[in-house]
Protein backbone atom coordinates (compact mmCIF):
# COMPACT_ATOMS: atom_id res chain seq x y z
CA UNK A 1 -46.22 -21.03 64.99
CA UNK A 2 -46.24 -23.74 62.28
CA UNK A 3 -42.94 -25.03 63.64
CA UNK A 4 -44.36 -25.10 67.17
CA UNK A 5 -47.46 -27.00 66.01
CA UNK A 6 -45.29 -29.48 64.10
CA UNK A 7 -43.08 -29.98 67.15
CA UNK A 8 -46.14 -30.50 69.35
CA UNK A 9 -47.59 -33.04 66.89
CA UNK A 10 -44.31 -34.95 66.77
CA UNK A 11 -44.03 -34.90 70.55
CA UNK A 12 -47.58 -36.23 70.86
CA UNK A 13 -46.81 -39.01 68.36
CA UNK A 14 -43.62 -39.97 70.19
CA UNK A 15 -45.48 -39.92 73.51
CA UNK A 16 -48.26 -42.09 72.06
CA UNK A 17 -45.73 -44.55 70.61
CA UNK A 18 -43.87 -44.71 73.93
CA UNK A 19 -47.14 -45.41 75.74
CA UNK A 20 -47.89 -48.25 73.33
CA UNK A 21 -44.38 -49.63 73.86
CA UNK A 22 -44.80 -49.60 77.64
CA UNK A 23 -48.19 -51.31 77.54
CA UNK A 24 -48.62 -55.02 78.17
CA UNK A 25 -50.65 -57.06 75.70
CA UNK A 26 -53.19 -59.51 77.08
CA UNK A 27 -53.63 -62.09 74.35
CA UNK A 28 -52.67 -65.75 74.65
CA UNK A 29 -50.92 -65.43 78.02
CA UNK A 30 -52.34 -64.23 81.35
CA UNK A 31 -50.98 -61.48 83.54
CA UNK A 32 -49.64 -63.16 86.69
CA UNK A 33 -48.78 -61.48 89.98
CA UNK A 34 -45.65 -63.33 91.10
CA UNK A 35 -43.88 -59.95 91.03
CA UNK A 36 -44.76 -56.32 90.25
CA UNK A 37 -43.88 -56.46 86.55
CA UNK A 38 -47.52 -55.82 85.67
CA UNK A 39 -48.41 -53.74 88.74
CA UNK A 40 -48.27 -49.93 88.77
CA UNK A 41 -49.28 -49.58 92.42
CA UNK A 42 -50.89 -51.57 95.22
CA UNK A 43 -51.95 -51.10 98.82
CA UNK A 44 -53.25 -53.45 101.50
CA UNK A 45 -52.24 -56.69 99.74
CA UNK A 46 -49.59 -59.30 100.42
CA UNK A 47 -48.08 -61.73 97.93
CA UNK A 48 -48.45 -65.46 98.64
CA UNK A 49 -46.59 -68.26 96.84
CA UNK A 50 -48.66 -71.44 96.67
CA UNK A 51 -46.72 -74.74 96.76
CA UNK A 52 -47.89 -77.45 94.39
CA UNK A 53 -49.91 -80.47 95.31
CA UNK A 54 -48.13 -83.59 94.06
CA UNK A 55 -49.25 -87.18 93.63
CA UNK A 56 -47.80 -90.04 95.67
CA UNK A 57 -47.33 -92.15 92.53
CA UNK A 58 -45.60 -91.26 89.24
CA UNK A 59 -47.63 -90.78 86.08
CA UNK A 60 -44.94 -92.41 83.92
CA UNK A 61 -41.98 -94.64 84.76
CA UNK A 62 -39.57 -96.79 82.77
CA UNK A 63 -41.26 -99.98 81.58
CA UNK A 64 -40.13 -100.61 77.99
CA UNK A 65 -36.62 -101.24 76.55
CA UNK A 66 -36.20 -97.76 75.04
CA UNK A 67 -36.87 -96.19 78.46
CA UNK A 68 -34.76 -98.52 80.57
CA UNK A 69 -35.23 -98.16 84.31
CA UNK A 70 -35.31 -94.35 84.26
CA UNK A 71 -37.20 -91.62 82.45
CA UNK A 72 -36.53 -87.87 82.57
CA UNK A 73 -38.61 -84.78 81.87
CA UNK A 74 -36.98 -81.47 81.18
CA UNK A 75 -38.94 -81.79 77.97
CA UNK A 76 -42.38 -80.51 77.15
CA UNK A 77 -46.08 -81.29 77.50
CA UNK A 78 -48.73 -79.61 75.35
CA UNK A 79 -52.51 -79.82 75.48
CA UNK A 80 -54.35 -80.00 72.18
CA UNK A 81 -57.51 -78.06 72.95
CA UNK A 82 -59.23 -79.27 69.77
CA UNK A 83 -58.52 -82.96 70.43
CA UNK A 84 -58.30 -82.91 74.23
CA UNK A 85 -55.13 -85.00 73.91
CA UNK A 86 -51.93 -84.22 75.81
CA UNK A 87 -48.54 -84.81 74.15
CA UNK A 88 -45.30 -85.37 76.06
CA UNK A 89 -41.70 -85.24 74.83
CA UNK A 90 -39.40 -86.90 77.38
CA UNK A 91 -36.16 -88.88 77.60
CA UNK A 92 -35.42 -92.53 78.33
CA UNK A 93 -32.10 -94.18 79.11
CA UNK A 94 -31.91 -97.81 77.90
CA UNK A 95 -30.20 -100.29 80.21
CA UNK A 96 -27.56 -102.04 78.09
CA UNK A 97 -24.83 -104.45 79.27
CA UNK A 98 -21.66 -102.71 80.40
CA UNK A 99 -23.27 -99.31 80.09
CA UNK A 100 -23.05 -99.37 76.31
CA UNK A 101 -24.84 -96.65 74.37
CA UNK A 102 -27.81 -97.71 72.22
CA UNK A 103 -27.21 -97.97 68.48
CA UNK A 104 -29.82 -96.59 66.10
CA UNK A 105 -29.25 -95.80 62.42
CA UNK A 106 -28.60 -92.08 61.98
CA UNK A 107 -28.36 -91.36 65.71
CA UNK A 108 -25.22 -89.84 67.21
CA UNK A 109 -25.31 -91.41 70.65
CA UNK A 110 -24.43 -88.62 73.02
CA UNK A 111 -25.19 -89.66 76.60
CA UNK A 112 -27.20 -92.63 75.41
CA UNK A 113 -30.64 -91.08 75.84
CA UNK A 114 -33.58 -91.35 73.48
CA UNK A 115 -36.17 -88.63 72.94
CA UNK A 116 -39.54 -90.35 73.34
CA UNK A 117 -43.15 -89.35 72.66
CA UNK A 118 -46.28 -90.24 74.66
CA UNK A 119 -49.92 -89.17 74.68
CA UNK A 120 -52.67 -89.03 77.30
CA UNK A 121 -56.35 -88.20 77.58
CA UNK A 122 -56.30 -87.40 81.30
CA UNK A 123 -52.67 -86.44 81.98
CA UNK A 124 -52.18 -89.45 84.29
CA UNK A 125 -52.32 -92.56 82.08
CA UNK A 126 -49.88 -92.25 79.18
CA UNK A 127 -49.75 -94.24 75.94
CA UNK A 128 -46.55 -94.94 74.01
CA UNK A 129 -47.56 -95.02 70.33
CA UNK A 130 -45.73 -97.39 68.00
CA UNK A 131 -44.50 -94.71 65.59
CA UNK A 132 -42.39 -96.89 63.30
CA UNK A 133 -39.72 -94.22 62.85
CA UNK A 134 -36.50 -95.76 64.23
CA UNK A 135 -35.39 -99.35 64.68
CA UNK A 136 -34.17 -100.38 68.14
CA UNK A 137 -33.36 -103.93 69.16
CA UNK A 138 -34.74 -105.24 65.88
CA UNK A 139 -38.08 -103.42 65.90
CA UNK A 140 -39.61 -100.09 64.84
CA UNK A 141 -42.67 -100.63 67.05
CA UNK A 142 -41.58 -97.98 69.55
CA UNK A 143 -42.01 -94.30 70.42
CA UNK A 144 -38.43 -93.17 69.66
CA UNK A 145 -38.19 -89.86 67.78
CA UNK A 146 -34.64 -88.48 68.34
CA UNK A 147 -31.40 -88.84 70.29
CA UNK A 148 -30.90 -85.69 72.41
CA UNK A 149 -30.09 -85.57 76.10
CA UNK A 150 -32.31 -83.08 78.01
CA UNK A 151 -34.74 -82.46 75.11
CA UNK A 152 -36.93 -79.35 75.30
CA UNK A 153 -39.64 -78.82 72.66
CA UNK A 154 -41.36 -75.57 71.67
CA UNK A 155 -44.58 -75.47 69.66
CA UNK A 156 -44.05 -72.25 67.70
CA UNK A 157 -47.26 -70.97 66.14
CA UNK A 158 -45.52 -67.77 64.97
CA UNK A 159 -43.13 -69.35 62.45
CA UNK A 160 -44.55 -68.97 58.91
CA UNK A 161 -42.62 -72.06 57.76
CA UNK A 162 -44.72 -75.16 58.63
CA UNK A 163 -41.59 -77.32 58.52
CA UNK A 164 -40.29 -75.40 61.55
CA UNK A 165 -43.53 -75.42 63.57
CA UNK A 166 -41.88 -77.52 66.29
CA UNK A 167 -38.45 -76.62 67.63
CA UNK A 168 -36.21 -78.61 69.96
CA UNK A 169 -32.96 -78.05 71.82
CA UNK A 170 -30.92 -80.74 73.52
CA UNK A 171 -27.36 -81.88 74.06
CA UNK A 172 -24.99 -84.46 72.70
CA UNK A 173 -21.42 -85.08 73.80
CA UNK A 174 -19.72 -81.70 74.27
CA UNK A 175 -22.34 -79.39 72.77
CA UNK A 176 -25.95 -78.23 72.56
CA UNK A 177 -27.81 -78.69 69.27
CA UNK A 178 -31.11 -77.62 67.68
CA UNK A 179 -33.66 -79.48 65.56
CA UNK A 180 -36.95 -78.63 63.84
CA UNK A 181 -40.03 -80.60 62.84
CA UNK A 182 -43.36 -80.10 61.03
CA UNK A 183 -45.24 -82.50 63.31
CA UNK A 184 -43.19 -82.97 66.49
CA UNK A 185 -42.25 -86.51 65.45
CA UNK A 186 -39.90 -86.36 62.46
CA UNK A 187 -36.90 -84.15 63.23
CA UNK A 188 -33.97 -82.69 61.32
CA UNK A 189 -31.15 -80.67 62.78
CA UNK A 190 -27.99 -78.88 61.64
CA UNK A 191 -24.68 -80.61 62.19
CA UNK A 192 -23.16 -77.54 63.83
CA UNK A 193 -23.86 -76.98 67.54
CA UNK A 194 -25.38 -73.79 68.94
CA UNK A 195 -23.13 -73.76 72.05
CA UNK A 196 -19.93 -75.70 72.81
CA UNK A 197 -21.01 -76.98 76.20
CA UNK A 198 -23.51 -79.64 77.14
CA UNK A 199 -25.83 -81.05 79.80
CA UNK A 200 -29.24 -79.69 80.81
CA UNK A 201 -31.11 -77.16 78.67
CA UNK A 202 -34.65 -75.78 78.38
CA UNK A 203 -36.27 -73.68 75.66
CA UNK A 204 -38.92 -70.95 75.68
CA UNK A 205 -39.93 -67.92 73.61
CA UNK A 206 -40.35 -64.27 74.51
CA UNK A 207 -43.97 -63.50 73.52
CA UNK A 208 -43.24 -59.80 73.11
CA UNK A 209 -40.25 -60.07 70.77
CA UNK A 210 -40.54 -63.60 69.36
CA UNK A 211 -36.95 -64.24 70.45
CA UNK A 212 -35.98 -67.80 71.42
CA UNK A 213 -34.42 -68.20 74.86
CA UNK A 214 -32.26 -71.18 75.82
CA UNK A 215 -31.52 -71.64 79.52
CA UNK A 216 -28.57 -73.98 79.82
CA UNK A 217 -25.87 -75.26 82.10
CA UNK A 218 -22.32 -74.13 81.34
CA UNK A 219 -20.26 -76.05 83.89
CA UNK A 220 -18.23 -75.16 85.85
CA UNK A 221 -18.85 -71.64 87.11
CA UNK A 222 -16.50 -70.71 89.95
CA UNK A 223 -18.44 -68.94 92.72
CA UNK A 224 -16.99 -68.26 96.17
CA UNK A 225 -14.17 -70.69 95.51
CA UNK A 226 -16.18 -73.66 94.25
CA UNK A 227 -17.14 -74.95 90.78
CA UNK A 228 -20.93 -74.89 90.54
CA UNK A 229 -23.83 -75.71 88.31
CA UNK A 230 -25.46 -72.43 87.23
CA UNK A 231 -27.94 -71.15 84.64
CA UNK A 232 -26.82 -69.36 81.47
CA UNK A 233 -28.91 -67.76 78.72
CA UNK A 234 -28.35 -67.91 74.95
CA UNK A 235 -30.74 -66.02 72.66
CA UNK A 236 -31.72 -66.29 68.99
CA UNK A 237 -34.01 -64.33 66.68
CA UNK A 238 -34.18 -67.01 63.98
CA UNK A 239 -33.37 -70.30 65.79
CA UNK A 240 -30.18 -70.49 63.72
CA UNK A 241 -27.69 -67.93 65.03
CA UNK A 242 -27.35 -67.84 68.84
CA UNK A 243 -25.80 -65.28 71.15
CA UNK A 244 -22.85 -66.02 73.38
CA UNK A 245 -24.28 -67.43 76.65
CA UNK A 246 -24.42 -65.09 79.64
CA UNK A 247 -24.71 -66.07 83.30
CA UNK A 248 -28.22 -65.18 84.53
CA UNK A 249 -28.84 -67.17 87.73
CA UNK A 250 -26.52 -68.56 90.38
CA UNK A 251 -26.69 -69.36 94.11
CA UNK A 252 -25.96 -66.46 96.46
CA UNK A 253 -24.60 -66.42 100.00
CA UNK A 254 -28.03 -66.92 101.50
CA UNK A 255 -28.36 -70.14 99.50
CA UNK A 256 -25.14 -71.37 101.12
CA UNK A 257 -26.20 -70.52 104.69
CA UNK A 258 -27.00 -74.18 105.45
CA UNK A 259 -23.61 -75.50 104.27
CA UNK A 260 -20.51 -76.23 106.29
CA UNK A 261 -17.88 -74.51 104.17
CA UNK A 262 -14.98 -76.54 105.53
CA UNK A 263 -16.46 -79.72 104.04
CA UNK A 264 -17.06 -78.31 100.57
CA UNK A 265 -20.83 -78.32 100.95
CA UNK A 266 -22.57 -75.73 98.79
CA UNK A 267 -25.66 -74.88 96.78
CA UNK A 268 -25.85 -75.21 93.00
CA UNK A 269 -28.60 -74.77 90.40
CA UNK A 270 -29.04 -77.97 88.43
CA UNK A 271 -31.32 -76.57 85.71
CA UNK A 272 -34.19 -74.13 85.21
CA UNK A 273 -37.42 -74.16 83.23
CA UNK A 274 -38.98 -70.81 82.32
CA UNK A 275 -42.64 -70.00 81.57
CA UNK A 276 -43.58 -66.65 79.97
CA UNK A 277 -46.60 -64.64 81.05
CA UNK A 278 -47.97 -61.32 79.78
CA UNK A 279 -45.50 -59.12 81.70
CA UNK A 280 -42.43 -61.32 82.11
CA UNK A 281 -41.28 -64.79 83.09
CA UNK A 282 -41.54 -67.33 85.90
CA UNK A 283 -38.45 -69.43 86.55
CA UNK A 284 -38.45 -72.85 88.23
CA UNK A 285 -34.82 -73.52 89.24
CA UNK A 286 -33.89 -76.84 90.82
CA UNK A 287 -31.91 -75.91 93.92
CA UNK A 288 -29.19 -78.53 94.51
CA UNK A 289 -27.79 -78.72 98.06
CA UNK A 290 -24.52 -80.54 97.47
CA UNK A 291 -23.42 -82.63 100.46
CA UNK A 292 -20.65 -84.57 98.73
CA UNK A 293 -18.70 -84.07 95.52
CA UNK A 294 -15.76 -85.36 93.52
CA UNK A 295 -16.14 -88.88 94.83
CA UNK A 296 -13.59 -91.12 93.06
CA UNK A 297 -14.87 -93.31 90.22
CA UNK A 298 -13.61 -96.40 92.06
CA UNK A 299 -16.28 -95.80 94.72
CA UNK A 300 -19.14 -95.40 92.25
CA UNK A 301 -21.33 -98.02 90.63
CA UNK A 302 -22.40 -97.85 86.97
CA UNK A 303 -24.46 -94.74 86.22
CA UNK A 304 -23.85 -93.24 89.66
CA UNK A 305 -22.98 -89.55 89.97
CA UNK A 306 -19.93 -88.34 91.85
CA UNK A 307 -21.99 -85.46 93.31
CA UNK A 308 -24.56 -86.15 96.01
CA UNK A 309 -27.28 -84.12 97.70
CA UNK A 310 -30.96 -83.23 97.46
CA UNK A 311 -32.87 -81.05 94.99
CA UNK A 312 -36.18 -79.24 95.10
CA UNK A 313 -37.80 -76.47 93.05
CA UNK A 314 -38.20 -72.79 93.93
CA UNK A 315 -39.89 -69.92 92.10
CA UNK A 316 -38.13 -66.83 90.75
CA UNK A 317 -39.29 -64.01 88.44
CA UNK A 318 -37.94 -61.81 85.67
CA UNK A 319 -39.14 -59.10 83.31
CA UNK A 320 -36.65 -59.86 80.52
CA UNK A 321 -35.21 -63.34 81.21
CA UNK A 322 -31.84 -61.86 82.16
CA UNK A 323 -32.32 -60.24 85.56
CA UNK A 324 -33.99 -62.57 88.08
CA UNK A 325 -35.50 -61.88 91.49
CA UNK A 326 -36.12 -64.35 94.28
CA UNK A 327 -39.52 -64.89 95.86
CA UNK A 328 -39.34 -65.08 99.61
CA UNK A 329 -39.18 -67.17 101.75
CA UNK A 330 -37.28 -69.24 99.19
CA UNK A 331 -39.41 -72.24 100.05
CA UNK A 332 -40.03 -75.03 97.54
CA UNK A 333 -42.88 -74.50 95.12
CA UNK A 334 -42.47 -78.17 94.18
CA UNK A 335 -41.22 -79.99 97.26
CA UNK A 336 -39.80 -83.47 97.63
CA UNK A 337 -42.34 -86.15 98.39
CA UNK A 338 -42.57 -88.55 101.32
CA UNK A 339 -39.48 -90.57 102.21
CA UNK A 340 -39.35 -93.74 100.17
CA UNK A 341 -41.62 -92.32 97.46
CA UNK A 342 -40.62 -91.96 93.83
CA UNK A 343 -39.82 -88.24 94.43
CA UNK A 344 -38.80 -88.45 98.09
CA UNK A 345 -35.10 -87.78 97.46
CA UNK A 346 -34.96 -85.08 94.77
CA UNK A 347 -36.93 -83.12 92.18
CA UNK A 348 -34.37 -83.35 89.39
CA UNK A 349 -35.97 -81.25 86.66
CA UNK A 350 -39.18 -79.53 85.62
CA UNK A 351 -41.09 -79.65 82.34
CA UNK A 352 -40.35 -76.66 80.07
CA UNK A 353 -44.08 -75.95 79.66
CA UNK A 354 -47.06 -75.59 81.99
CA UNK A 355 -50.34 -77.22 81.00
CA UNK A 356 -53.69 -75.50 81.66
CA UNK A 357 -56.67 -77.86 81.46
CA UNK A 358 -60.04 -76.65 82.69
CA UNK A 359 -59.62 -75.14 86.15
CA UNK A 360 -56.20 -76.75 86.75
CA UNK A 361 -52.59 -75.99 85.96
CA UNK A 362 -50.21 -78.95 85.74
CA UNK A 363 -46.41 -79.00 85.65
CA UNK A 364 -44.73 -82.36 85.05
CA UNK A 365 -41.36 -83.09 86.64
CA UNK A 366 -38.64 -85.70 87.15
CA UNK A 367 -38.64 -87.25 90.61
CA UNK A 368 -35.82 -89.24 92.18
CA UNK A 369 -36.50 -91.63 95.05
CA UNK A 370 -33.07 -91.05 96.62
CA UNK A 371 -30.46 -88.33 96.79
CA UNK A 372 -28.83 -87.33 93.49
CA UNK A 373 -25.72 -89.47 93.89
CA UNK A 374 -27.23 -92.73 95.13
CA UNK A 375 -26.64 -95.94 93.15
CA UNK A 376 -29.22 -97.58 90.87
CA UNK A 377 -30.82 -99.52 92.46
CA UNK A 378 -32.18 -98.42 94.88
CA UNK A 379 -32.43 -95.10 93.03
CA UNK A 380 -35.60 -94.82 90.94
CA UNK A 381 -36.22 -92.02 88.42
CA UNK A 382 -39.76 -91.36 87.14
CA UNK A 383 -42.12 -88.58 86.04
CA UNK A 384 -44.66 -86.99 88.39
CA UNK A 385 -47.23 -84.21 88.17
CA UNK A 386 -47.47 -81.03 90.25
CA UNK A 387 -50.90 -79.42 90.43
CA UNK A 388 -52.35 -75.95 91.15
CA UNK A 389 -55.62 -74.18 90.56
CA UNK A 390 -55.50 -72.54 87.13
CA UNK A 391 -52.65 -69.98 87.09
CA UNK A 392 -52.42 -70.52 90.84
CA UNK A 393 -48.68 -70.20 91.44
CA UNK A 394 -48.97 -66.87 93.31
CA UNK A 395 -51.77 -64.60 94.52
CA UNK A 396 -52.17 -61.07 95.85
CA UNK A 397 -54.20 -61.38 99.05
CA UNK A 398 -56.39 -58.83 100.84
CA UNK A 399 -57.70 -59.03 104.40
CA UNK A 400 -60.78 -57.37 105.92
CA UNK A 401 -59.45 -53.86 105.24
CA UNK A 402 -59.92 -52.30 101.81
CA UNK A 403 -57.10 -53.13 99.40
CA UNK A 404 -56.34 -51.97 95.88
CA UNK A 405 -54.23 -53.12 92.92
CA UNK A 406 -53.65 -50.99 89.81
CA UNK A 407 -52.01 -52.55 86.78
CA UNK A 408 -49.60 -51.13 84.27
CA UNK A 409 -51.32 -50.16 80.98
CA UNK A 410 -52.80 -53.27 79.36
CA UNK A 411 -53.83 -53.73 75.73
CA UNK A 412 -56.75 -56.19 75.55
CA UNK A 413 -56.78 -58.41 72.46
CA UNK A 414 -60.53 -58.98 72.75
CA UNK A 415 -63.23 -57.01 74.53
CA UNK A 416 -63.52 -59.60 77.29
CA UNK A 417 -61.52 -59.22 80.50
CA UNK A 418 -61.34 -62.43 82.55
CA UNK A 419 -60.43 -62.36 86.26
CA UNK A 420 -59.17 -65.36 88.24
CA UNK A 421 -59.91 -64.63 91.91
CA UNK A 422 -61.22 -66.17 95.11
CA UNK A 423 -63.65 -63.76 96.81
CA UNK A 424 -65.62 -66.37 98.75
CA UNK A 425 -66.34 -64.67 102.06
CA UNK A 426 -65.24 -61.32 100.68
CA UNK A 427 -65.68 -58.97 97.76
CA UNK A 428 -63.79 -57.93 94.64
CA UNK A 429 -64.61 -55.21 92.10
CA UNK A 430 -62.88 -54.10 88.90
CA UNK A 431 -62.63 -50.63 87.36
CA UNK A 432 -61.03 -49.41 84.14
CA UNK A 433 -58.98 -46.26 83.54
CA UNK A 434 -57.19 -44.69 80.63
CA UNK A 435 -53.46 -45.38 80.46
CA UNK A 436 -52.77 -42.00 82.08
CA UNK A 437 -55.12 -42.74 85.00
CA UNK A 438 -58.19 -40.80 83.83
CA UNK A 439 -61.48 -42.60 84.57
CA UNK A 440 -63.41 -44.23 81.71
CA UNK A 441 -67.11 -43.44 81.87
CA UNK A 442 -69.25 -46.48 82.67
CA UNK A 443 -66.35 -48.57 84.03
CA UNK A 444 -65.93 -47.31 87.59
CA UNK A 445 -65.44 -49.56 90.62
CA UNK A 446 -68.81 -48.45 91.96
CA UNK A 447 -70.58 -49.51 88.75
CA UNK A 448 -68.99 -52.97 88.77
CA UNK A 449 -71.16 -55.83 90.02
CA UNK A 450 -69.05 -57.44 92.76
CA UNK A 451 -67.54 -60.92 92.85
CA UNK A 452 -68.41 -62.78 96.07
CA UNK A 453 -67.39 -66.36 95.17
CA UNK A 454 -64.32 -68.30 94.03
CA UNK A 455 -64.26 -68.00 90.22
CA UNK A 456 -61.32 -68.66 87.89
CA UNK A 457 -63.10 -67.21 84.84
CA UNK A 458 -65.09 -64.28 86.15
CA UNK A 459 -66.06 -61.68 83.57
CA UNK A 460 -66.68 -58.29 85.24
CA UNK A 461 -69.95 -56.55 84.36
CA UNK A 462 -70.71 -52.87 84.77
CA UNK A 463 -74.06 -51.14 85.05
CA UNK A 464 -73.68 -49.65 81.59
CA UNK A 465 -73.41 -53.16 80.02
CA UNK A 466 -70.53 -51.78 77.94
CA UNK A 467 -67.53 -53.95 77.10
CA UNK A 468 -63.88 -52.94 77.68
CA UNK A 469 -62.24 -51.01 74.82
CA UNK A 470 -59.55 -52.72 72.74
CA UNK A 471 -58.40 -49.74 70.64
CA UNK A 472 -55.96 -48.38 73.24
CA UNK A 473 -54.11 -49.37 76.43
CA UNK A 474 -56.00 -49.10 79.71
CA UNK A 475 -55.35 -49.69 83.37
CA UNK A 476 -57.27 -52.27 85.40
CA UNK A 477 -58.02 -51.31 88.99
CA UNK A 478 -59.00 -54.08 91.43
CA UNK A 479 -60.58 -53.26 94.80
CA UNK A 480 -60.54 -56.20 97.25
CA UNK A 481 -61.58 -57.35 100.72
CA UNK A 482 -61.00 -60.85 102.11
CA UNK A 483 -60.07 -62.11 98.66
CA UNK A 484 -57.24 -63.38 96.48
CA UNK A 485 -56.30 -62.24 92.97
CA UNK A 486 -54.46 -64.79 90.79
CA UNK A 487 -54.49 -63.55 87.19
CA UNK A 488 -56.02 -61.36 84.52
CA UNK A 489 -56.47 -62.58 80.97
CA UNK A 490 -58.30 -62.19 77.70
CA UNK A 491 -58.94 -65.90 77.37
CA UNK A 492 -62.38 -66.76 76.08
CA UNK A 493 -64.78 -67.09 79.01
CA UNK A 494 -66.69 -70.29 79.70
CA UNK A 495 -69.64 -70.90 77.36
């Protein structure tokens, strides 16, 4: 009997541990509904992808010598909630006679790009502080901080070493490299590369494991007979040793349906930025429809690419960063702008972070006024801003019939569940259950006071006035009519 009781106790402990492992923590990141990674079951809802609103004019374009006539953003933008100031890490490409690379003491050159730093109070007007760190053209009164191509910066609050609080990946000639910084301005990096390949790269972190994820181009990848740009993943637990890159996202046959195979037309993936959420990741790949390639150098002007075509941005999803699923109808979530506009030809790359300010979510991007392979001029490359309602990339929508969404077990970090939903003209209620589906007294759907307006920070209230438990995982049940559900979070509600 003692053995049976011991076995039962062990089984219960293992079961409890497994339940904790399967639960999703709501802490700093919201639970989004771009896929079913956080959904246990649903009925009566449809998933809607919401394309961004973009501005007709760029928020930043080349205007100083260290930027040249083109600026790029695969880098990062962060919002300092305490100061209200936004910080941007981006790249400029100085225009020097004969295409010479800029010379700066201690810099290695690479593709001739500078990593630059700018700040803004409103996210539209950007200031270039005179940092005094590196001399260029006889002056240190500039915003130059490093020399990577395709810089991507991560603000890592989890690293106990303050000297490594900021982390950056980028490329130089032939390889990708890393660098660290205590303040995001003064950087040091190892001499040895992390991967022997180079071009575009973005950096993020898995919030569940703390692992660093680098999404990079490893060209060429031969797919269906053609060399293509594709997305590869390298991983690191300490930002020092990196795994061998593995192919994680490439164009499929449906992506090539538009192309005339006899002419060599095809689809490629130029680069991809990745944003974590509570149950997985959103990917923003730039889909490159190649109309011409391998044009001889004799036909190209200085700085012109031998590959031509248009690019826009789609949305894909993943639970682990390795296996990715498409969102249908494969339409752009950031589309090209009007013909003749700064982004009318291509969306070349997307910021490696999303910015959430008030009731808005912003994603900054690189816009090109022409196709990828056009000469400069007339090609113009500048930075624009895509805009959504807060966490508004995707919603689960209900019509006039009753609909229901039940989440996977969630572990709330604070006793304050926040719902982002539009129930104007409809109704939405929230109930809570134990992780195994048993009801929790006082938190039923019927006891929930309904939401009947559009509210991005709605805090459900129940008749019992009790607050949600935080000592164990629980399931959130949402009952909806004529409403849209965007996200769940434990972010502090409005004052």
